Amino acid sequence: MAENQNPTEKEKMLRGELYRAFTPDLIAGRARCKGACDRFNNAGQISRRRQVELWRDLIQDERPLPPLAEDPEVDDQLFEDEPWVEAPIRVDYGFNVKVGNGVFINFNCVIIDTCLVTIGARTLVGPNVYIYSGTHPLDPALRNGTKGPELGKEVHIGEDCWIGGNVVILPGVTIGKGVTIGAGSVVTKYVPSFHVAAGNPAKVIRRIETAMADVRGP
């Protein structure tokens, strides 16, 4: 199949190329996600089913929910493997966020999902964590405020990680399986599986001794 010779700004964004964010379709995409975030954040005391429904709406996960169980406790158990996300949360687009089973995301999380952001199963994310997959050109003449282009790089967080409070994860970062990131760290580069990293910029401090099967690479 021939490559599209005139890609849309969204297509360029998803490929990590320079694109313009202030076009009608992308403005509409951010507005849709903001509305979904507002509904999620302002929902108050709701059932687990409704929480999952609102979260799926936010990330545009169109899978149908299981049939409603008559017993509320039994119904809650239907969603025990679903991510648990505490309000408030702010996401740019939503459709670029993929979260595994058993993930916990604490309050005040911000995800700039210009490009794909993945969080592996059973990972715990502390409060006030910022995950950025979007970035801008360094040259201010090219950057040019809202009239200039921007770009992104994917962010991948492995399974069974613990991301401490007030951590910032920058574009293009991959964090391996079973990693712990110390509170307040700024993660600027790859962190190998089963290691502790902390600081600004975050540096690997030590290896984690664990009975969990080792995984080399990301």
N, C-alpha and C. Protein backbone atom coordinates (compact mmCIF):
# COMPACT_ATOMS: atom_id res chain seq x y z
N MET A 1 0.84 -1.19 0.00
CA MET A 1 0.00 0.00 0.00
C MET A 1 0.88 1.25 0.00
N ALA A 2 0.58 2.18 -0.84
CA ALA A 2 1.38 3.39 -0.95
C ALA A 2 1.22 4.26 0.29
N GLU A 3 2.32 4.84 0.71
CA GLU A 3 2.28 5.72 1.88
C GLU A 3 1.53 7.00 1.52
N ASN A 4 0.74 7.46 2.50
CA ASN A 4 -0.03 8.69 2.30
C ASN A 4 0.92 9.86 2.08
N GLN A 5 0.79 10.51 0.93
CA GLN A 5 1.70 11.61 0.59
C GLN A 5 1.27 12.92 1.25
N ASN A 6 0.04 12.94 1.77
CA ASN A 6 -0.46 14.14 2.44
C ASN A 6 -1.06 13.76 3.79
N PRO A 7 -0.20 13.37 4.72
CA PRO A 7 -0.73 12.93 6.02
C PRO A 7 -1.39 14.09 6.77
N THR A 8 -2.39 13.73 7.56
CA THR A 8 -3.04 14.73 8.41
C THR A 8 -2.11 15.09 9.56
N GLU A 9 -2.43 16.18 10.25
CA GLU A 9 -1.63 16.58 11.41
C GLU A 9 -1.70 15.50 12.49
N LYS A 10 -2.85 14.85 12.64
CA LYS A 10 -2.98 13.77 13.62
C LYS A 10 -2.08 12.60 13.25
N GLU A 11 -2.05 12.24 11.98
CA GLU A 11 -1.19 11.14 11.54
C GLU A 11 0.27 11.46 11.80
N LYS A 12 0.67 12.69 11.53
CA LYS A 12 2.06 13.10 11.81
C LYS A 12 2.33 13.06 13.31
N MET A 13 1.37 13.51 14.11
CA MET A 13 1.52 13.48 15.57
C MET A 13 1.75 12.06 16.06
N LEU A 14 0.95 11.12 15.58
CA LEU A 14 1.05 9.74 16.04
C LEU A 14 2.36 9.08 15.62
N ARG A 15 2.96 9.58 14.54
CA ARG A 15 4.24 9.03 14.07
C ARG A 15 5.43 9.69 14.74
N GLY A 16 5.18 10.67 15.58
CA GLY A 16 6.28 11.36 16.25
C GLY A 16 6.97 12.39 15.39
N GLU A 17 6.28 12.84 14.33
CA GLU A 17 6.85 13.85 13.44
C GLU A 17 6.37 15.24 13.87
N LEU A 18 7.01 16.27 13.31
CA LEU A 18 6.53 17.62 13.56
C LEU A 18 5.11 17.76 13.03
N TYR A 19 4.24 18.34 13.83
CA TYR A 19 2.85 18.53 13.43
C TYR A 19 2.34 19.81 14.09
N ARG A 20 1.20 20.27 13.67
CA ARG A 20 0.59 21.47 14.23
C ARG A 20 -0.63 21.08 15.06
N ALA A 21 -0.59 21.44 16.33
CA ALA A 21 -1.61 21.00 17.28
C ALA A 21 -2.88 21.81 17.23
N PHE A 22 -2.81 23.04 16.69
CA PHE A 22 -3.97 23.92 16.71
C PHE A 22 -4.71 23.88 15.37
N THR A 23 -5.10 22.65 15.02
CA THR A 23 -5.94 22.42 13.86
C THR A 23 -7.29 21.93 14.36
N PRO A 24 -8.36 22.10 13.56
CA PRO A 24 -9.69 21.81 14.09
C PRO A 24 -9.87 20.41 14.67
N ASP A 25 -9.32 19.37 13.99
CA ASP A 25 -9.54 18.01 14.48
C ASP A 25 -8.83 17.75 15.80
N LEU A 26 -7.61 18.29 15.95
CA LEU A 26 -6.88 18.07 17.20
C LEU A 26 -7.42 18.94 18.33
N ILE A 27 -7.85 20.15 18.02
CA ILE A 27 -8.52 20.97 19.04
C ILE A 27 -9.77 20.25 19.53
N ALA A 28 -10.54 19.68 18.59
CA ALA A 28 -11.75 18.95 18.97
C ALA A 28 -11.42 17.71 19.79
N GLY A 29 -10.32 17.04 19.45
CA GLY A 29 -9.91 15.86 20.20
C GLY A 29 -9.55 16.20 21.64
N ARG A 30 -8.85 17.30 21.84
CA ARG A 30 -8.50 17.71 23.20
C ARG A 30 -9.74 18.16 23.96
N ALA A 31 -10.67 18.83 23.27
CA ALA A 31 -11.90 19.28 23.92
C ALA A 31 -12.74 18.08 24.37
N ARG A 32 -12.81 17.06 23.51
CA ARG A 32 -13.54 15.84 23.88
C ARG A 32 -12.95 15.21 25.13
N CYS A 33 -11.62 15.12 25.16
CA CYS A 33 -10.95 14.49 26.30
C CYS A 33 -11.11 15.34 27.56
N LYS A 34 -11.05 16.65 27.42
CA LYS A 34 -11.25 17.51 28.59
C LYS A 34 -12.64 17.29 29.17
N GLY A 35 -13.65 17.19 28.30
CA GLY A 35 -14.99 16.91 28.78
C GLY A 35 -15.07 15.58 29.51
N ALA A 36 -14.41 14.55 28.97
CA ALA A 36 -14.39 13.24 29.61
C ALA A 36 -13.66 13.30 30.95
N CYS A 37 -12.55 14.04 31.00
CA CYS A 37 -11.84 14.22 32.27
C CYS A 37 -12.73 14.93 33.30
N ASP A 38 -13.44 15.96 32.87
CA ASP A 38 -14.32 16.69 33.78
C ASP A 38 -15.41 15.78 34.33
N ARG A 39 -15.99 14.95 33.48
CA ARG A 39 -17.02 14.02 33.94
C ARG A 39 -16.45 13.03 34.94
N PHE A 40 -15.25 12.51 34.67
CA PHE A 40 -14.60 11.58 35.57
C PHE A 40 -14.27 12.25 36.90
N ASN A 41 -13.70 13.45 36.82
CA ASN A 41 -13.23 14.13 38.03
C ASN A 41 -14.37 14.63 38.91
N ASN A 42 -15.50 14.95 38.31
CA ASN A 42 -16.61 15.54 39.05
C ASN A 42 -17.71 14.54 39.39
N ALA A 43 -17.43 13.26 39.21
CA ALA A 43 -18.47 12.25 39.38
C ALA A 43 -18.88 12.04 40.83
N GLY A 44 -17.99 12.33 41.78
CA GLY A 44 -18.31 12.14 43.19
C GLY A 44 -18.33 10.67 43.57
N GLN A 45 -19.17 10.31 44.55
CA GLN A 45 -19.24 8.93 45.02
C GLN A 45 -20.08 8.11 44.04
N ILE A 46 -19.43 7.22 43.33
CA ILE A 46 -20.10 6.42 42.30
C ILE A 46 -19.70 4.96 42.45
N SER A 47 -20.44 4.11 41.77
CA SER A 47 -20.13 2.68 41.80
C SER A 47 -18.85 2.40 41.03
N ARG A 48 -18.27 1.24 41.31
CA ARG A 48 -17.07 0.83 40.58
C ARG A 48 -17.39 0.70 39.10
N ARG A 49 -18.56 0.19 38.77
CA ARG A 49 -18.97 0.07 37.37
C ARG A 49 -18.97 1.42 36.68
N ARG A 50 -19.53 2.42 37.32
CA ARG A 50 -19.61 3.74 36.72
C ARG A 50 -18.21 4.35 36.59
N GLN A 51 -17.35 4.11 37.57
CA GLN A 51 -15.98 4.62 37.49
C GLN A 51 -15.26 4.04 36.28
N VAL A 52 -15.40 2.74 36.10
CA VAL A 52 -14.76 2.08 34.95
C VAL A 52 -15.35 2.60 33.65
N GLU A 53 -16.67 2.79 33.63
CA GLU A 53 -17.31 3.32 32.43
C GLU A 53 -16.78 4.70 32.06
N LEU A 54 -16.64 5.56 33.06
CA LEU A 54 -16.13 6.91 32.80
C LEU A 54 -14.66 6.88 32.37
N TRP A 55 -13.88 5.99 32.96
CA TRP A 55 -12.47 5.87 32.57
C TRP A 55 -12.35 5.38 31.12
N ARG A 56 -13.16 4.39 30.77
CA ARG A 56 -13.11 3.89 29.40
C ARG A 56 -13.54 4.96 28.40
N ASP A 57 -14.49 5.78 28.79
CA ASP A 57 -14.89 6.89 27.93
C ASP A 57 -13.73 7.86 27.74
N LEU A 58 -12.98 8.11 28.82
CA LEU A 58 -11.86 9.05 28.76
C LEU A 58 -10.79 8.57 27.78
N ILE A 59 -10.48 7.27 27.82
CA ILE A 59 -9.41 6.74 26.97
C ILE A 59 -9.96 6.15 25.67
N GLN A 60 -11.24 6.32 25.44
CA GLN A 60 -11.90 5.83 24.22
C GLN A 60 -11.75 4.32 24.03
N ASP A 61 -11.93 3.61 25.13
CA ASP A 61 -11.96 2.15 25.12
C ASP A 61 -13.42 1.75 24.92
N GLU A 62 -13.75 1.20 23.76
CA GLU A 62 -15.14 0.94 23.40
C GLU A 62 -15.61 -0.48 23.74
N ARG A 63 -14.84 -1.23 24.49
CA ARG A 63 -15.28 -2.56 24.90
C ARG A 63 -16.54 -2.46 25.75
N PRO A 64 -17.53 -3.32 25.52
CA PRO A 64 -18.74 -3.27 26.34
C PRO A 64 -18.47 -3.74 27.77
N LEU A 65 -19.18 -3.17 28.72
CA LEU A 65 -19.08 -3.64 30.09
C LEU A 65 -19.83 -4.96 30.25
N PRO A 66 -19.42 -5.78 31.23
CA PRO A 66 -20.17 -7.03 31.47
C PRO A 66 -21.57 -6.73 31.96
N PRO A 67 -22.50 -7.66 31.80
CA PRO A 67 -23.87 -7.45 32.28
C PRO A 67 -23.90 -7.13 33.78
N LEU A 68 -24.82 -6.28 34.17
CA LEU A 68 -24.95 -5.84 35.56
C LEU A 68 -25.38 -7.00 36.44
N ALA A 69 -24.64 -7.22 37.54
CA ALA A 69 -25.03 -8.22 38.53
C ALA A 69 -25.99 -7.59 39.54
N GLU A 70 -26.94 -8.36 40.04
CA GLU A 70 -27.93 -7.82 40.97
C GLU A 70 -27.30 -7.41 42.29
N ASP A 71 -26.36 -8.19 42.79
CA ASP A 71 -25.68 -7.89 44.05
C ASP A 71 -24.57 -6.88 43.77
N PRO A 72 -24.59 -5.70 44.43
CA PRO A 72 -23.55 -4.68 44.17
C PRO A 72 -22.14 -5.18 44.43
N GLU A 73 -21.94 -6.01 45.47
CA GLU A 73 -20.61 -6.52 45.75
C GLU A 73 -20.14 -7.46 44.64
N VAL A 74 -21.04 -8.28 44.16
CA VAL A 74 -20.70 -9.18 43.05
C VAL A 74 -20.40 -8.37 41.80
N ASP A 75 -21.17 -7.29 41.58
CA ASP A 75 -20.92 -6.45 40.42
C ASP A 75 -19.55 -5.79 40.51
N ASP A 76 -19.18 -5.32 41.70
CA ASP A 76 -17.85 -4.72 41.88
C ASP A 76 -16.75 -5.71 41.52
N GLN A 77 -16.96 -6.99 41.87
CA GLN A 77 -15.94 -7.99 41.63
C GLN A 77 -15.69 -8.22 40.13
N LEU A 78 -16.67 -7.87 39.31
CA LEU A 78 -16.49 -8.00 37.87
C LEU A 78 -15.38 -7.09 37.35
N PHE A 79 -15.03 -6.06 38.14
CA PHE A 79 -14.07 -5.06 37.69
C PHE A 79 -12.78 -5.07 38.53
N GLU A 80 -12.54 -6.17 39.24
CA GLU A 80 -11.40 -6.19 40.16
C GLU A 80 -10.06 -6.09 39.45
N ASP A 81 -10.01 -6.48 38.18
CA ASP A 81 -8.75 -6.39 37.44
C ASP A 81 -8.60 -5.09 36.64
N GLU A 82 -9.65 -4.28 36.64
CA GLU A 82 -9.60 -3.02 35.89
C GLU A 82 -8.66 -2.03 36.59
N PRO A 83 -8.05 -1.10 35.84
CA PRO A 83 -7.24 -0.05 36.49
C PRO A 83 -8.08 0.73 37.50
N TRP A 84 -7.42 1.15 38.58
CA TRP A 84 -8.07 2.00 39.57
C TRP A 84 -7.43 3.38 39.46
N VAL A 85 -8.22 4.36 39.08
CA VAL A 85 -7.71 5.71 38.82
C VAL A 85 -8.41 6.68 39.76
N GLU A 86 -7.63 7.40 40.55
CA GLU A 86 -8.18 8.39 41.47
C GLU A 86 -8.29 9.75 40.79
N ALA A 87 -9.41 10.40 41.01
CA ALA A 87 -9.59 11.78 40.51
C ALA A 87 -8.89 12.76 41.44
N PRO A 88 -8.44 13.90 40.90
CA PRO A 88 -8.55 14.30 39.50
C PRO A 88 -7.38 13.79 38.66
N ILE A 89 -7.66 13.68 37.38
CA ILE A 89 -6.63 13.33 36.39
C ILE A 89 -6.84 14.23 35.19
N ARG A 90 -5.74 14.53 34.49
CA ARG A 90 -5.85 15.34 33.28
C ARG A 90 -5.05 14.67 32.17
N VAL A 91 -5.71 14.46 31.04
CA VAL A 91 -5.12 13.80 29.88
C VAL A 91 -5.42 14.66 28.66
N ASP A 92 -4.50 14.68 27.69
CA ASP A 92 -4.68 15.51 26.50
C ASP A 92 -5.69 14.92 25.51
N TYR A 93 -5.46 13.66 25.08
CA TYR A 93 -6.30 13.06 24.05
C TYR A 93 -7.02 11.80 24.53
N GLY A 94 -6.39 11.01 25.35
CA GLY A 94 -7.00 9.81 25.89
C GLY A 94 -6.77 8.58 25.05
N PHE A 95 -6.95 8.68 23.73
CA PHE A 95 -6.84 7.49 22.88
C PHE A 95 -5.41 6.97 22.78
N ASN A 96 -4.44 7.75 23.22
CA ASN A 96 -3.05 7.31 23.21
C ASN A 96 -2.59 6.76 24.56
N VAL A 97 -3.51 6.51 25.48
CA VAL A 97 -3.17 5.98 26.80
C VAL A 97 -3.63 4.53 26.89
N LYS A 98 -2.70 3.62 27.20
CA LYS A 98 -3.00 2.20 27.35
C LYS A 98 -2.52 1.75 28.73
N VAL A 99 -3.47 1.29 29.55
CA VAL A 99 -3.16 0.96 30.94
C VAL A 99 -3.52 -0.50 31.19
N GLY A 100 -2.61 -1.26 31.81
CA GLY A 100 -2.81 -2.68 32.04
C GLY A 100 -3.68 -2.99 33.23
N ASN A 101 -3.97 -4.29 33.40
CA ASN A 101 -4.79 -4.74 34.53
C ASN A 101 -4.10 -4.47 35.86
N GLY A 102 -4.90 -4.16 36.87
CA GLY A 102 -4.38 -4.02 38.22
C GLY A 102 -3.53 -2.80 38.45
N VAL A 103 -3.56 -1.83 37.55
CA VAL A 103 -2.78 -0.59 37.72
C VAL A 103 -3.52 0.34 38.68
N PHE A 104 -2.77 1.04 39.53
CA PHE A 104 -3.33 2.09 40.39
C PHE A 104 -2.67 3.41 40.02
N ILE A 105 -3.50 4.42 39.71
CA ILE A 105 -3.01 5.77 39.42
C ILE A 105 -3.59 6.70 40.46
N ASN A 106 -2.74 7.29 41.28
CA ASN A 106 -3.21 8.17 42.35
C ASN A 106 -3.56 9.55 41.80
N PHE A 107 -4.09 10.41 42.67
CA PHE A 107 -4.67 11.68 42.23
C PHE A 107 -3.64 12.66 41.69
N ASN A 108 -4.15 13.61 40.89
CA ASN A 108 -3.35 14.68 40.28
C ASN A 108 -2.34 14.17 39.26
N CYS A 109 -2.66 13.10 38.59
CA CYS A 109 -1.81 12.63 37.50
C CYS A 109 -2.10 13.44 36.24
N VAL A 110 -1.04 13.76 35.50
CA VAL A 110 -1.16 14.46 34.22
C VAL A 110 -0.46 13.61 33.16
N ILE A 111 -1.18 13.31 32.08
CA ILE A 111 -0.61 12.53 30.99
C ILE A 111 -0.76 13.32 29.70
N ILE A 112 0.36 13.75 29.14
CA ILE A 112 0.36 14.41 27.84
C ILE A 112 0.60 13.32 26.80
N ASP A 113 -0.49 12.84 26.21
CA ASP A 113 -0.39 11.67 25.33
C ASP A 113 -0.37 12.06 23.86
N THR A 114 0.56 12.94 23.52
CA THR A 114 0.79 13.27 22.11
C THR A 114 1.08 12.01 21.32
N CYS A 115 1.94 11.17 21.88
CA CYS A 115 2.23 9.84 21.34
C CYS A 115 1.81 8.80 22.37
N LEU A 116 1.94 7.55 22.01
CA LEU A 116 1.48 6.46 22.86
C LEU A 116 2.15 6.49 24.24
N VAL A 117 1.33 6.32 25.29
CA VAL A 117 1.80 6.17 26.66
C VAL A 117 1.24 4.85 27.19
N THR A 118 2.11 3.92 27.57
CA THR A 118 1.66 2.64 28.10
C THR A 118 2.13 2.48 29.54
N ILE A 119 1.25 1.90 30.36
CA ILE A 119 1.56 1.60 31.75
C ILE A 119 1.23 0.13 31.96
N GLY A 120 2.24 -0.66 32.30
CA GLY A 120 2.07 -2.11 32.39
C GLY A 120 1.27 -2.55 33.59
N ALA A 121 0.79 -3.78 33.54
CA ALA A 121 -0.07 -4.35 34.57
C ALA A 121 0.58 -4.26 35.96
N ARG A 122 -0.28 -4.00 36.94
CA ARG A 122 0.08 -4.01 38.37
C ARG A 122 1.04 -2.89 38.77
N THR A 123 1.25 -1.94 37.90
CA THR A 123 2.12 -0.80 38.25
C THR A 123 1.35 0.18 39.13
N LEU A 124 2.05 0.74 40.10
CA LEU A 124 1.50 1.71 41.05
C LEU A 124 2.09 3.09 40.75
N VAL A 125 1.21 4.07 40.55
CA VAL A 125 1.63 5.43 40.22
C VAL A 125 1.22 6.35 41.37
N GLY A 126 2.20 7.00 41.98
CA GLY A 126 1.92 7.87 43.12
C GLY A 126 1.22 9.16 42.73
N PRO A 127 0.89 9.99 43.73
CA PRO A 127 0.21 11.25 43.44
C PRO A 127 1.13 12.25 42.75
N ASN A 128 0.50 13.14 41.97
CA ASN A 128 1.23 14.25 41.32
C ASN A 128 2.30 13.78 40.35
N VAL A 129 2.03 12.69 39.65
CA VAL A 129 2.98 12.19 38.64
C VAL A 129 2.62 12.77 37.29
N TYR A 130 3.63 13.26 36.58
CA TYR A 130 3.45 13.86 35.26
C TYR A 130 4.17 12.99 34.24
N ILE A 131 3.44 12.58 33.22
CA ILE A 131 3.99 11.76 32.14
C ILE A 131 3.84 12.54 30.85
N TYR A 132 4.98 12.90 30.24
CA TYR A 132 4.97 13.74 29.05
C TYR A 132 5.46 12.96 27.85
N SER A 133 4.62 12.78 26.84
CA SER A 133 5.11 12.24 25.57
C SER A 133 5.22 13.34 24.52
N GLY A 134 4.82 14.56 24.86
CA GLY A 134 4.90 15.69 23.94
C GLY A 134 6.09 16.58 24.22
N THR A 135 6.64 17.16 23.16
CA THR A 135 7.78 18.06 23.32
C THR A 135 7.73 19.11 22.21
N HIS A 136 8.69 20.03 22.21
CA HIS A 136 8.71 21.15 21.27
C HIS A 136 10.11 21.31 20.68
N PRO A 137 10.23 21.92 19.51
CA PRO A 137 11.55 22.22 18.95
C PRO A 137 12.33 23.16 19.88
N LEU A 138 13.63 22.98 19.92
CA LEU A 138 14.47 23.87 20.73
C LEU A 138 14.62 25.24 20.09
N ASP A 139 14.61 25.29 18.78
CA ASP A 139 14.80 26.56 18.07
C ASP A 139 13.54 27.41 18.23
N PRO A 140 13.62 28.56 18.92
CA PRO A 140 12.41 29.36 19.14
C PRO A 140 11.81 29.91 17.86
N ALA A 141 12.64 30.11 16.83
CA ALA A 141 12.11 30.59 15.56
C ALA A 141 11.19 29.55 14.92
N LEU A 142 11.55 28.28 15.06
CA LEU A 142 10.70 27.20 14.57
C LEU A 142 9.53 26.95 15.51
N ARG A 143 9.79 27.04 16.80
CA ARG A 143 8.76 26.75 17.81
C ARG A 143 7.56 27.70 17.66
N ASN A 144 7.80 28.98 17.64
CA ASN A 144 6.84 30.00 17.22
C ASN A 144 5.48 29.91 17.91
N GLY A 145 5.48 29.68 19.22
CA GLY A 145 4.23 29.71 19.98
C GLY A 145 3.18 28.75 19.46
N THR A 146 1.92 29.17 19.44
CA THR A 146 0.83 28.31 18.98
C THR A 146 0.81 28.15 17.47
N LYS A 147 1.58 28.95 16.74
CA LYS A 147 1.60 28.85 15.28
C LYS A 147 2.64 27.88 14.76
N GLY A 148 3.55 27.47 15.63
CA GLY A 148 4.62 26.58 15.20
C GLY A 148 4.29 25.12 15.44
N PRO A 149 5.16 24.22 14.98
CA PRO A 149 4.93 22.78 15.14
C PRO A 149 5.45 22.26 16.47
N GLU A 150 4.98 21.10 16.83
CA GLU A 150 5.52 20.37 17.97
C GLU A 150 5.64 18.91 17.57
N LEU A 151 6.05 18.07 18.51
CA LEU A 151 6.24 16.66 18.19
C LEU A 151 6.18 15.84 19.46
N GLY A 152 6.32 14.53 19.35
CA GLY A 152 6.25 13.68 20.52
C GLY A 152 7.09 12.43 20.39
N LYS A 153 7.28 11.76 21.52
CA LYS A 153 7.99 10.48 21.57
C LYS A 153 7.26 9.59 22.57
N GLU A 154 7.11 8.32 22.22
CA GLU A 154 6.35 7.40 23.07
C GLU A 154 7.01 7.22 24.45
N VAL A 155 6.17 6.94 25.45
CA VAL A 155 6.61 6.64 26.81
C VAL A 155 6.05 5.27 27.18
N HIS A 156 6.92 4.39 27.68
CA HIS A 156 6.50 3.05 28.06
C HIS A 156 6.98 2.73 29.48
N ILE A 157 6.03 2.40 30.34
CA ILE A 157 6.31 2.00 31.72
C ILE A 157 5.96 0.53 31.85
N GLY A 158 6.89 -0.27 32.33
CA GLY A 158 6.70 -1.72 32.36
C GLY A 158 5.73 -2.20 33.42
N GLU A 159 5.54 -3.50 33.46
CA GLU A 159 4.70 -4.12 34.48
C GLU A 159 5.37 -4.07 35.85
N ASP A 160 4.55 -4.07 36.90
CA ASP A 160 5.01 -4.23 38.28
C ASP A 160 5.98 -3.15 38.74
N CYS A 161 5.80 -1.94 38.20
CA CYS A 161 6.63 -0.82 38.62
C CYS A 161 5.97 -0.06 39.77
N TRP A 162 6.78 0.73 40.47
CA TRP A 162 6.29 1.66 41.50
C TRP A 162 6.88 3.02 41.15
N ILE A 163 6.00 3.94 40.76
CA ILE A 163 6.42 5.30 40.40
C ILE A 163 6.06 6.20 41.58
N GLY A 164 7.05 6.73 42.27
CA GLY A 164 6.81 7.52 43.47
C GLY A 164 6.13 8.85 43.18
N GLY A 165 5.63 9.48 44.23
CA GLY A 165 4.94 10.75 44.09
C GLY A 165 5.82 11.84 43.52
N ASN A 166 5.20 12.75 42.76
CA ASN A 166 5.88 13.92 42.19
C ASN A 166 6.97 13.57 41.19
N VAL A 167 6.85 12.41 40.57
CA VAL A 167 7.81 12.01 39.53
C VAL A 167 7.39 12.63 38.20
N VAL A 168 8.38 13.03 37.40
CA VAL A 168 8.16 13.51 36.05
C VAL A 168 8.86 12.56 35.09
N ILE A 169 8.13 12.06 34.10
CA ILE A 169 8.68 11.15 33.10
C ILE A 169 8.64 11.85 31.76
N LEU A 170 9.80 12.01 31.12
CA LEU A 170 9.94 12.83 29.92
C LEU A 170 9.74 12.02 28.64
N PRO A 171 9.53 12.71 27.51
CA PRO A 171 9.26 12.04 26.24
C PRO A 171 10.36 11.05 25.86
N GLY A 172 9.93 9.92 25.28
CA GLY A 172 10.87 8.94 24.78
C GLY A 172 11.41 7.96 25.80
N VAL A 173 10.97 8.06 27.05
CA VAL A 173 11.52 7.21 28.11
C VAL A 173 10.84 5.85 28.12
N THR A 174 11.63 4.81 28.32
CA THR A 174 11.12 3.47 28.60
C THR A 174 11.62 3.06 29.98
N ILE A 175 10.70 2.58 30.81
CA ILE A 175 11.01 2.09 32.15
C ILE A 175 10.72 0.60 32.16
N GLY A 176 11.69 -0.20 32.52
CA GLY A 176 11.55 -1.64 32.45
C GLY A 176 10.63 -2.22 33.50
N LYS A 177 10.52 -3.53 33.51
CA LYS A 177 9.65 -4.27 34.43
C LYS A 177 10.18 -4.19 35.85
N GLY A 178 9.27 -4.06 36.82
CA GLY A 178 9.64 -4.16 38.22
C GLY A 178 10.50 -3.03 38.75
N VAL A 179 10.48 -1.89 38.10
CA VAL A 179 11.33 -0.76 38.48
C VAL A 179 10.65 0.06 39.58
N THR A 180 11.45 0.63 40.48
CA THR A 180 10.99 1.64 41.43
C THR A 180 11.66 2.96 41.10
N ILE A 181 10.83 4.02 40.96
CA ILE A 181 11.34 5.37 40.73
C ILE A 181 11.09 6.18 41.98
N GLY A 182 12.15 6.71 42.58
CA GLY A 182 12.04 7.45 43.83
C GLY A 182 11.23 8.73 43.68
N ALA A 183 10.54 9.11 44.76
CA ALA A 183 9.69 10.29 44.76
C ALA A 183 10.47 11.53 44.34
N GLY A 184 9.84 12.37 43.54
CA GLY A 184 10.44 13.62 43.12
C GLY A 184 11.44 13.52 41.99
N SER A 185 11.61 12.34 41.43
CA SER A 185 12.61 12.15 40.37
C SER A 185 12.13 12.69 39.03
N VAL A 186 13.09 13.04 38.17
CA VAL A 186 12.81 13.41 36.79
C VAL A 186 13.50 12.36 35.92
N VAL A 187 12.70 11.54 35.23
CA VAL A 187 13.24 10.42 34.47
C VAL A 187 13.45 10.88 33.03
N THR A 188 14.70 10.90 32.61
CA THR A 188 15.06 11.43 31.29
C THR A 188 15.53 10.37 30.31
N LYS A 189 15.78 9.14 30.80
CA LYS A 189 16.30 8.09 29.91
C LYS A 189 15.90 6.72 30.43
N TYR A 190 16.22 5.71 29.66
CA TYR A 190 15.85 4.33 29.93
C TYR A 190 16.30 3.87 31.31
N VAL A 191 15.38 3.17 32.01
CA VAL A 191 15.69 2.54 33.29
C VAL A 191 15.52 1.04 33.12
N PRO A 192 16.57 0.24 33.34
CA PRO A 192 16.47 -1.21 33.11
C PRO A 192 15.59 -1.90 34.15
N SER A 193 15.06 -3.06 33.77
CA SER A 193 14.18 -3.83 34.64
C SER A 193 14.83 -4.14 35.98
N PHE A 194 13.98 -4.17 37.02
CA PHE A 194 14.38 -4.56 38.37
C PHE A 194 15.53 -3.72 38.92
N HIS A 195 15.39 -2.40 38.76
CA HIS A 195 16.34 -1.46 39.35
C HIS A 195 15.59 -0.31 40.02
N VAL A 196 16.26 0.32 40.98
CA VAL A 196 15.77 1.54 41.61
C VAL A 196 16.50 2.71 40.98
N ALA A 197 15.74 3.73 40.59
CA ALA A 197 16.33 4.95 40.05
C ALA A 197 15.72 6.15 40.77
N ALA A 198 16.54 7.17 41.00
CA ALA A 198 16.04 8.36 41.70
C ALA A 198 16.94 9.54 41.37
N GLY A 199 16.37 10.75 41.59
CA GLY A 199 17.15 11.97 41.41
C GLY A 199 16.68 12.79 40.23
N ASN A 200 17.36 13.93 40.04
CA ASN A 200 17.07 14.83 38.92
C ASN A 200 18.39 15.25 38.28
N PRO A 201 18.71 14.64 37.12
CA PRO A 201 17.98 13.57 36.43
C PRO A 201 18.11 12.24 37.16
N ALA A 202 17.12 11.36 36.99
CA ALA A 202 17.12 10.08 37.69
C ALA A 202 18.30 9.22 37.24
N LYS A 203 18.95 8.62 38.21
CA LYS A 203 20.05 7.70 37.93
C LYS A 203 19.79 6.38 38.63
N VAL A 204 20.25 5.30 38.03
CA VAL A 204 20.09 3.98 38.63
C VAL A 204 20.94 3.89 39.89
N ILE A 205 20.29 3.48 40.98
CA ILE A 205 20.97 3.41 42.28
C ILE A 205 21.42 2.00 42.60
N ARG A 206 20.50 1.05 42.41
CA ARG A 206 20.85 -0.34 42.72
C ARG A 206 19.88 -1.28 42.04
N ARG A 207 20.26 -2.55 42.01
CA ARG A 207 19.40 -3.60 41.48
C ARG A 207 18.46 -4.09 42.58
N ILE A 208 17.26 -4.50 42.19
CA ILE A 208 16.29 -5.03 43.14
C ILE A 208 16.38 -6.55 43.15
N GLU A 209 16.58 -7.11 44.34
CA GLU A 209 16.61 -8.57 44.48
C GLU A 209 15.16 -9.03 44.63
N THR A 210 14.72 -9.94 43.77
CA THR A 210 13.33 -10.36 43.74
C THR A 210 13.21 -11.80 43.27
N ALA A 211 12.14 -12.45 43.74
CA ALA A 211 11.85 -13.82 43.28
C ALA A 211 11.14 -13.80 41.94
N MET A 212 10.73 -12.61 41.49
CA MET A 212 10.05 -12.51 40.21
C MET A 212 11.02 -12.86 39.08
N ALA A 213 10.50 -13.52 38.07
CA ALA A 213 11.34 -13.92 36.95
C ALA A 213 12.00 -12.71 36.33
N ASP A 214 13.28 -12.81 36.10
CA ASP A 214 14.05 -11.70 35.53
C ASP A 214 13.66 -11.49 34.07
N VAL A 215 13.73 -10.24 33.66
CA VAL A 215 13.46 -9.89 32.27
C VAL A 215 14.56 -8.96 31.81
N ARG A 216 15.26 -9.34 30.79
CA ARG A 216 16.31 -8.48 30.25
C ARG A 216 15.70 -7.55 29.21
N GLY A 217 16.26 -6.39 29.06
CA GLY A 217 15.74 -5.41 28.13
C GLY A 217 14.66 -4.55 28.74
N PRO A 218 13.75 -3.96 27.94
CA PRO A 218 12.73 -3.04 28.44
C PRO A 218 11.85 -3.69 29.48
